[in-house]
Amino acid sequence: MKGKYTGKAGLRISFYFKRLGELMEKESLFTMISAVSFDMILSTIPFFLILLTVLGMYLNSDVVTGRITSFLNTYLPINEELKDKFILKAIGVINELRNNTLITGLIGIGGFLWTSSGMFATMRDVLNRLFRYKEKRYFIHDKLKDFFLVLIVVIFLIMTLAVTSISRIINIYNPEIFGIRLDLSFMQNVVTYLLGWSISFLMFLIIYKYVPNFKMPLRAASFTAFISSFVYEIFKIGFTFYIFNYSNYNKVYGTFAALVITLLWVYFTNVIFVFGGAFGGIYFHKRHYKLKPKKRIFGNGTKKAIQDVR
């Protein structure tokens, strides 16, 4: 077993790609990608309910409603009769959002926590397979742990996407705020990219370190997170540059363009997650780390089961 991962070949990048090719023949990596992507897309449905709740709370003000009505009355390029009908319809939608804020929020939060924990369960299964760990399942323990991971990872994901999106918008449109035109210098762009990469690195580090059922050494988790976050940042920059400058999704897909872009983003993000995990598994066994089950933080006792390496 040890001889398989030693020698000069282990020091070359080609070693990792050779092992990756062997792993792709043995494991269905693209099936793993599809499974995680499906669960991630499913979790966006209750997430939109949360966004509607936030919107309903914002609209729960007569001042805001008055401003929206005034804006529609001023800028809608239609005749007065149709304009009045449209405004009445808009006010009806606003009132519906106001009245259903509480129940929509509860359903959205509960649904998002449940579907997201299901996504983390799939990610856990993927990492256990990539690292060749025979999983000992603790349903209640894993669900409770996933609820905490969901909150942490979502915060980091929003932060890293916000940093990249804001920097791209400033670079492309040079918006003006309070009479000051925003324009990032070369060094400011570098700092922005480094900040985005740092947040992405911490996000992937948390995932690779705490999602699996086995004890992931910090060095192995850091190696895996470094590769995934580095590729993820290149992907974010390239994808946003393409969308803002060259894509014609609006012409092809019309109103569904945003949905298509979201699906592509989700899929390629999970390509990075799975292939990064595969490289991490190769590194893990190359370093001869031992697969040890974690102690249960939640649940009765810290019972351990001896796990075999396939």
Protein backbone atom coordinates (compact mmCIF):
# COMPACT_ATOMS: atom_id res chain seq x y z
CA MET A 1 0.00 0.00 0.00
CA LYS A 2 2.72 2.45 0.93
CA GLY A 3 4.85 1.75 -2.10
CA LYS A 4 2.01 2.76 -4.34
CA TYR A 5 2.19 6.40 -3.21
CA THR A 6 5.95 6.85 -2.77
CA GLY A 7 8.84 7.65 -5.09
CA LYS A 8 9.79 10.57 -7.29
CA ALA A 9 6.53 10.36 -9.22
CA GLY A 10 4.73 11.55 -6.11
CA LEU A 11 6.58 14.86 -6.32
CA ARG A 12 5.40 15.65 -9.84
CA ILE A 13 2.11 17.22 -10.86
CA SER A 14 1.71 14.43 -13.39
CA PHE A 15 1.47 11.99 -10.48
CA TYR A 16 -1.75 13.65 -9.30
CA PHE A 17 -3.29 13.71 -12.76
CA LYS A 18 -2.37 10.06 -13.31
CA ARG A 19 -4.03 9.09 -10.01
CA LEU A 20 -6.99 11.31 -10.93
CA GLY A 21 -7.43 9.40 -14.19
CA GLU A 22 -7.39 6.12 -12.26
CA LEU A 23 -9.92 7.53 -9.80
CA MET A 24 -12.23 8.64 -12.64
CA GLU A 25 -12.23 5.07 -13.96
CA LYS A 26 -12.98 3.64 -10.52
CA GLU A 27 -15.45 6.23 -9.19
CA SER A 28 -18.22 8.07 -11.04
CA LEU A 29 -16.98 11.61 -10.42
CA PHE A 30 -19.46 13.23 -12.77
CA THR A 31 -22.32 11.37 -11.09
CA MET A 32 -21.10 12.83 -7.80
CA ILE A 33 -21.06 16.30 -9.39
CA SER A 34 -24.64 15.88 -10.64
CA ALA A 35 -25.85 14.66 -7.23
CA VAL A 36 -24.39 17.61 -5.31
CA SER A 37 -25.59 20.05 -8.00
CA PHE A 38 -29.15 18.73 -7.77
CA ASP A 39 -29.23 19.15 -3.99
CA MET A 40 -27.76 22.64 -4.26
CA ILE A 41 -30.38 23.68 -6.83
CA LEU A 42 -33.11 22.20 -4.64
CA SER A 43 -31.94 24.31 -1.69
CA THR A 44 -32.31 27.51 -3.75
CA ILE A 45 -36.13 27.11 -3.82
CA PRO A 46 -36.66 27.84 -0.08
CA PHE A 47 -33.82 30.38 -0.26
CA PHE A 48 -35.95 32.47 -2.64
CA LEU A 49 -38.76 32.29 -0.09
CA ILE A 50 -36.37 33.87 2.42
CA LEU A 51 -35.60 36.63 -0.10
CA LEU A 52 -39.34 37.23 -0.54
CA THR A 53 -39.66 37.50 3.24
CA VAL A 54 -36.93 40.12 3.37
CA LEU A 55 -38.62 41.97 0.51
CA GLY A 56 -41.97 41.80 2.33
CA MET A 57 -40.40 43.25 5.49
CA TYR A 58 -38.90 46.08 3.44
CA LEU A 59 -42.22 46.77 1.73
CA ASN A 60 -44.01 46.83 5.08
CA SER A 61 -43.89 50.61 5.09
CA ASP A 62 -46.34 53.10 3.66
CA VAL A 63 -43.45 55.37 2.71
CA VAL A 64 -41.83 52.66 0.54
CA THR A 65 -45.20 51.76 -1.02
CA GLY A 66 -45.83 55.42 -1.77
CA ARG A 67 -42.45 55.77 -3.47
CA ILE A 68 -43.06 52.69 -5.63
CA THR A 69 -46.50 53.93 -6.62
CA SER A 70 -45.12 57.38 -7.47
CA PHE A 71 -42.32 55.85 -9.53
CA LEU A 72 -44.70 53.64 -11.51
CA ASN A 73 -47.11 56.52 -12.04
CA THR A 74 -44.32 58.72 -13.39
CA TYR A 75 -42.31 56.35 -15.58
CA LEU A 76 -44.73 53.70 -16.90
CA PRO A 77 -45.00 54.39 -20.68
CA ILE A 78 -48.69 53.39 -20.98
CA ASN A 79 -52.04 55.15 -20.98
CA GLU A 80 -53.71 56.21 -17.75
CA GLU A 81 -56.30 53.42 -17.65
CA LEU A 82 -53.75 50.62 -18.01
CA LYS A 83 -51.41 52.44 -15.66
CA ASP A 84 -54.04 52.52 -12.89
CA LYS A 85 -54.75 48.79 -13.35
CA PHE A 86 -51.03 47.98 -13.22
CA ILE A 87 -50.50 50.06 -10.08
CA LEU A 88 -53.48 48.41 -8.37
CA LYS A 89 -52.08 45.01 -9.30
CA ALA A 90 -48.63 45.99 -7.94
CA ILE A 91 -50.15 47.24 -4.67
CA GLY A 92 -52.05 43.94 -4.38
CA VAL A 93 -48.82 41.98 -4.74
CA ILE A 94 -47.12 44.21 -2.16
CA ASN A 95 -49.96 43.71 0.32
CA GLU A 96 -49.84 39.93 -0.25
CA LEU A 97 -46.11 39.94 0.50
CA ARG A 98 -46.77 41.98 3.63
CA ASN A 99 -49.52 39.68 4.92
CA ASN A 100 -47.58 36.43 4.32
CA THR A 101 -44.19 37.57 5.58
CA LEU A 102 -44.19 35.46 8.75
CA ILE A 103 -45.39 32.17 7.28
CA THR A 104 -43.25 32.58 4.14
CA GLY A 105 -40.22 33.28 6.28
CA LEU A 106 -40.77 30.25 8.53
CA ILE A 107 -41.31 27.92 5.58
CA GLY A 108 -38.30 29.39 3.77
CA ILE A 109 -35.91 29.12 6.74
CA GLY A 110 -37.08 25.62 7.70
CA GLY A 111 -36.98 24.38 4.10
CA PHE A 112 -33.60 25.93 3.43
CA LEU A 113 -32.03 24.37 6.54
CA TRP A 114 -33.45 20.96 5.69
CA THR A 115 -32.56 20.94 1.96
CA SER A 116 -29.13 22.43 2.63
CA SER A 117 -28.40 19.80 5.26
CA GLY A 118 -29.35 17.23 2.61
CA MET A 119 -26.83 18.84 0.28
CA PHE A 120 -24.14 18.57 2.95
CA ALA A 121 -25.07 14.91 3.48
CA THR A 122 -24.43 14.30 -0.23
CA MET A 123 -21.15 16.22 -0.02
CA ARG A 124 -20.19 14.08 2.98
CA ASP A 125 -20.89 10.91 1.04
CA VAL A 126 -18.80 12.21 -1.88
CA LEU A 127 -15.82 13.05 0.34
CA ASN A 128 -16.05 9.74 2.17
CA ARG A 129 -15.87 7.93 -1.16
CA LEU A 130 -13.05 10.08 -2.52
CA PHE A 131 -10.98 9.47 0.61
CA ARG A 132 -12.03 5.77 0.67
CA TYR A 133 -13.70 5.91 4.07
CA LYS A 134 -16.44 3.42 4.89
CA GLU A 135 -18.98 5.67 6.53
CA LYS A 136 -20.51 5.06 9.93
CA ARG A 137 -23.75 7.04 9.81
CA TYR A 138 -25.17 9.03 12.73
CA PHE A 139 -28.31 10.66 11.33
CA ILE A 140 -29.22 13.01 14.19
CA HIS A 141 -25.61 13.99 14.84
CA ASP A 142 -24.94 14.72 11.16
CA LYS A 143 -28.15 16.75 10.73
CA LEU A 144 -27.38 18.96 13.72
CA LYS A 145 -23.83 19.48 12.52
CA ASP A 146 -25.06 20.30 9.02
CA PHE A 147 -27.38 23.03 10.34
CA PHE A 148 -24.35 24.85 11.79
CA LEU A 149 -22.28 24.28 8.63
CA VAL A 150 -25.08 25.65 6.45
CA LEU A 151 -25.11 28.98 8.27
CA ILE A 152 -21.32 29.35 8.22
CA VAL A 153 -20.76 28.30 4.61
CA VAL A 154 -23.64 30.43 3.27
CA ILE A 155 -22.14 33.51 4.93
CA PHE A 156 -18.74 32.85 3.36
CA LEU A 157 -20.33 32.10 -0.04
CA ILE A 158 -22.28 35.36 -0.04
CA MET A 159 -19.15 37.27 0.99
CA THR A 160 -16.91 35.81 -1.72
CA LEU A 161 -19.56 36.31 -4.42
CA ALA A 162 -20.19 39.87 -3.23
CA VAL A 163 -16.49 40.79 -3.37
CA THR A 164 -16.11 39.46 -6.92
CA SER A 165 -19.40 40.92 -8.20
CA ILE A 166 -18.85 44.39 -6.73
CA SER A 167 -15.29 44.60 -8.09
CA ARG A 168 -16.45 43.53 -11.58
CA ILE A 169 -19.32 46.07 -11.55
CA ILE A 170 -16.94 48.86 -10.52
CA ASN A 171 -14.40 47.91 -13.19
CA ILE A 172 -16.99 47.68 -15.97
CA TYR A 173 -19.45 50.48 -15.16
CA ASN A 174 -17.43 52.87 -12.94
CA PRO A 175 -20.55 53.87 -10.96
CA GLU A 176 -20.83 57.21 -9.19
CA ILE A 177 -21.81 57.29 -5.49
CA PHE A 178 -22.28 60.56 -3.57
CA GLY A 179 -20.65 62.43 -6.42
CA ILE A 180 -17.53 60.24 -6.37
CA ARG A 181 -16.82 58.04 -9.39
CA LEU A 182 -15.54 54.66 -8.31
CA ASP A 183 -12.50 53.32 -10.15
CA LEU A 184 -10.21 50.61 -8.77
CA SER A 185 -6.47 50.92 -9.33
CA PHE A 186 -4.30 47.91 -10.21
CA MET A 187 -3.25 47.36 -6.59
CA GLN A 188 -6.83 47.74 -5.37
CA ASN A 189 -7.89 45.05 -7.86
CA VAL A 190 -5.10 42.78 -6.62
CA VAL A 191 -6.18 43.32 -3.00
CA THR A 192 -9.81 42.61 -3.97
CA TYR A 193 -8.85 39.35 -5.67
CA LEU A 194 -6.71 38.31 -2.71
CA LEU A 195 -9.59 39.11 -0.36
CA GLY A 196 -11.99 37.05 -2.46
CA TRP A 197 -9.52 34.15 -2.58
CA SER A 198 -8.99 34.30 1.20
CA ILE A 199 -12.74 34.07 1.83
CA SER A 200 -13.09 31.21 -0.69
CA PHE A 201 -10.14 29.40 0.93
CA LEU A 202 -11.76 29.59 4.38
CA MET A 203 -15.08 28.39 2.94
CA PHE A 204 -13.53 25.33 1.29
CA LEU A 205 -11.35 24.69 4.35
CA ILE A 206 -14.46 24.50 6.55
CA ILE A 207 -16.15 22.15 4.05
CA TYR A 208 -13.21 19.77 3.62
CA LYS A 209 -12.26 19.84 7.30
CA TYR A 210 -15.65 19.45 9.00
CA VAL A 211 -18.07 17.85 6.50
CA PRO A 212 -16.48 14.32 6.34
CA ASN A 213 -17.11 11.73 9.03
CA PHE A 214 -13.40 11.03 9.49
CA LYS A 215 -10.72 13.19 11.08
CA MET A 216 -9.29 15.33 8.30
CA PRO A 217 -5.74 16.51 9.08
CA LEU A 218 -5.43 20.29 8.83
CA ARG A 219 -2.59 20.01 6.32
CA ALA A 220 -4.64 17.77 4.02
CA ALA A 221 -7.69 20.02 4.36
CA SER A 222 -5.55 23.10 3.64
CA PHE A 223 -4.00 21.48 0.55
CA THR A 224 -7.43 20.54 -0.79
CA ALA A 225 -8.93 23.95 0.04
CA PHE A 226 -5.99 25.75 -1.59
CA ILE A 227 -6.45 23.92 -4.90
CA SER A 228 -10.24 24.32 -4.91
CA SER A 229 -10.23 27.99 -3.88
CA PHE A 230 -7.49 28.87 -6.40
CA VAL A 231 -9.39 27.26 -9.29
CA TYR A 232 -12.68 28.70 -7.99
CA GLU A 233 -11.32 32.25 -8.05
CA ILE A 234 -10.04 31.79 -11.61
CA PHE A 235 -13.46 30.41 -12.56
CA LYS A 236 -15.30 33.33 -10.88
CA ILE A 237 -13.17 35.94 -12.65
CA GLY A 238 -13.40 34.21 -16.03
CA PHE A 239 -17.11 33.44 -15.77
CA THR A 240 -18.14 36.94 -14.68
CA PHE A 241 -15.92 38.47 -17.36
CA TYR A 242 -17.57 36.28 -19.98
CA ILE A 243 -21.10 37.01 -18.74
CA PHE A 244 -20.55 40.79 -18.62
CA ASN A 245 -18.67 41.05 -21.93
CA TYR A 246 -19.40 38.23 -24.36
CA SER A 247 -22.43 36.16 -23.37
CA ASN A 248 -25.67 36.37 -25.34
CA TYR A 249 -27.86 34.34 -22.99
CA ASN A 250 -30.55 37.03 -23.01
CA LYS A 251 -30.97 36.67 -26.77
CA VAL A 252 -31.04 32.87 -26.67
CA TYR A 253 -32.96 32.18 -23.45
CA GLY A 254 -34.79 35.48 -22.90
CA THR A 255 -36.30 35.75 -19.41
CA PHE A 256 -34.74 32.40 -18.47
CA ALA A 257 -31.18 33.69 -18.93
CA ALA A 258 -30.65 34.24 -15.19
CA LEU A 259 -31.80 30.66 -14.50
CA VAL A 260 -29.40 29.24 -17.10
CA ILE A 261 -26.49 31.26 -15.71
CA THR A 262 -27.31 30.09 -12.17
CA LEU A 263 -27.45 26.43 -13.22
CA LEU A 264 -24.10 26.71 -15.01
CA TRP A 265 -22.56 28.40 -11.98
CA VAL A 266 -23.83 25.68 -9.64
CA TYR A 267 -22.61 22.86 -11.88
CA PHE A 268 -19.09 24.20 -12.44
CA THR A 269 -18.75 25.10 -8.75
CA ASN A 270 -19.43 21.47 -7.91
CA VAL A 271 -17.00 20.31 -10.58
CA ILE A 272 -14.35 22.26 -8.65
CA PHE A 273 -15.55 20.84 -5.31
CA VAL A 274 -15.46 17.18 -6.46
CA PHE A 275 -12.20 17.35 -8.41
CA GLY A 276 -10.59 19.34 -5.59
CA GLY A 277 -11.72 16.63 -3.18
CA ALA A 278 -10.25 13.99 -5.52
CA PHE A 279 -6.84 15.72 -5.47
CA GLY A 280 -7.17 15.97 -1.69
CA GLY A 281 -7.81 12.23 -1.43
CA ILE A 282 -4.72 11.50 -3.51
CA TYR A 283 -2.64 13.80 -1.28
CA PHE A 284 -4.14 12.21 1.86
CA HIS A 285 -3.09 8.69 0.92
CA LYS A 286 0.22 9.79 -0.55
CA ARG A 287 1.07 11.18 2.90
CA HIS A 288 -0.12 7.92 4.53
CA TYR A 289 -2.61 9.63 6.83
CA LYS A 290 -4.82 7.22 8.74
CA LEU A 291 -8.58 7.26 8.41
CA LYS A 292 -9.98 7.73 11.90
CA PRO A 293 -13.65 8.34 12.75
CA LYS A 294 -14.54 11.60 14.45
CA LYS A 295 -15.87 11.83 17.95
CA ARG A 296 -19.53 12.74 17.98
CA ILE A 297 -20.13 16.23 19.29
CA PHE A 298 -23.90 15.65 19.40
CA GLY A 299 -25.54 12.42 20.51
CA ASN A 300 -24.90 9.81 23.16
CA GLY A 301 -21.30 8.89 23.83
CA THR A 302 -18.31 8.92 21.55
CA LYS A 303 -18.52 5.34 20.34
CA LYS A 304 -16.03 4.51 17.60
CA ALA A 305 -16.15 1.91 14.87
CA ILE A 306 -13.05 0.46 13.24
CA GLN A 307 -13.12 1.44 9.59
CA ASP A 308 -11.24 -0.38 6.82
CA VAL A 309 -9.56 1.23 3.86
CA ARG A 310 -10.73 -0.22 0.63
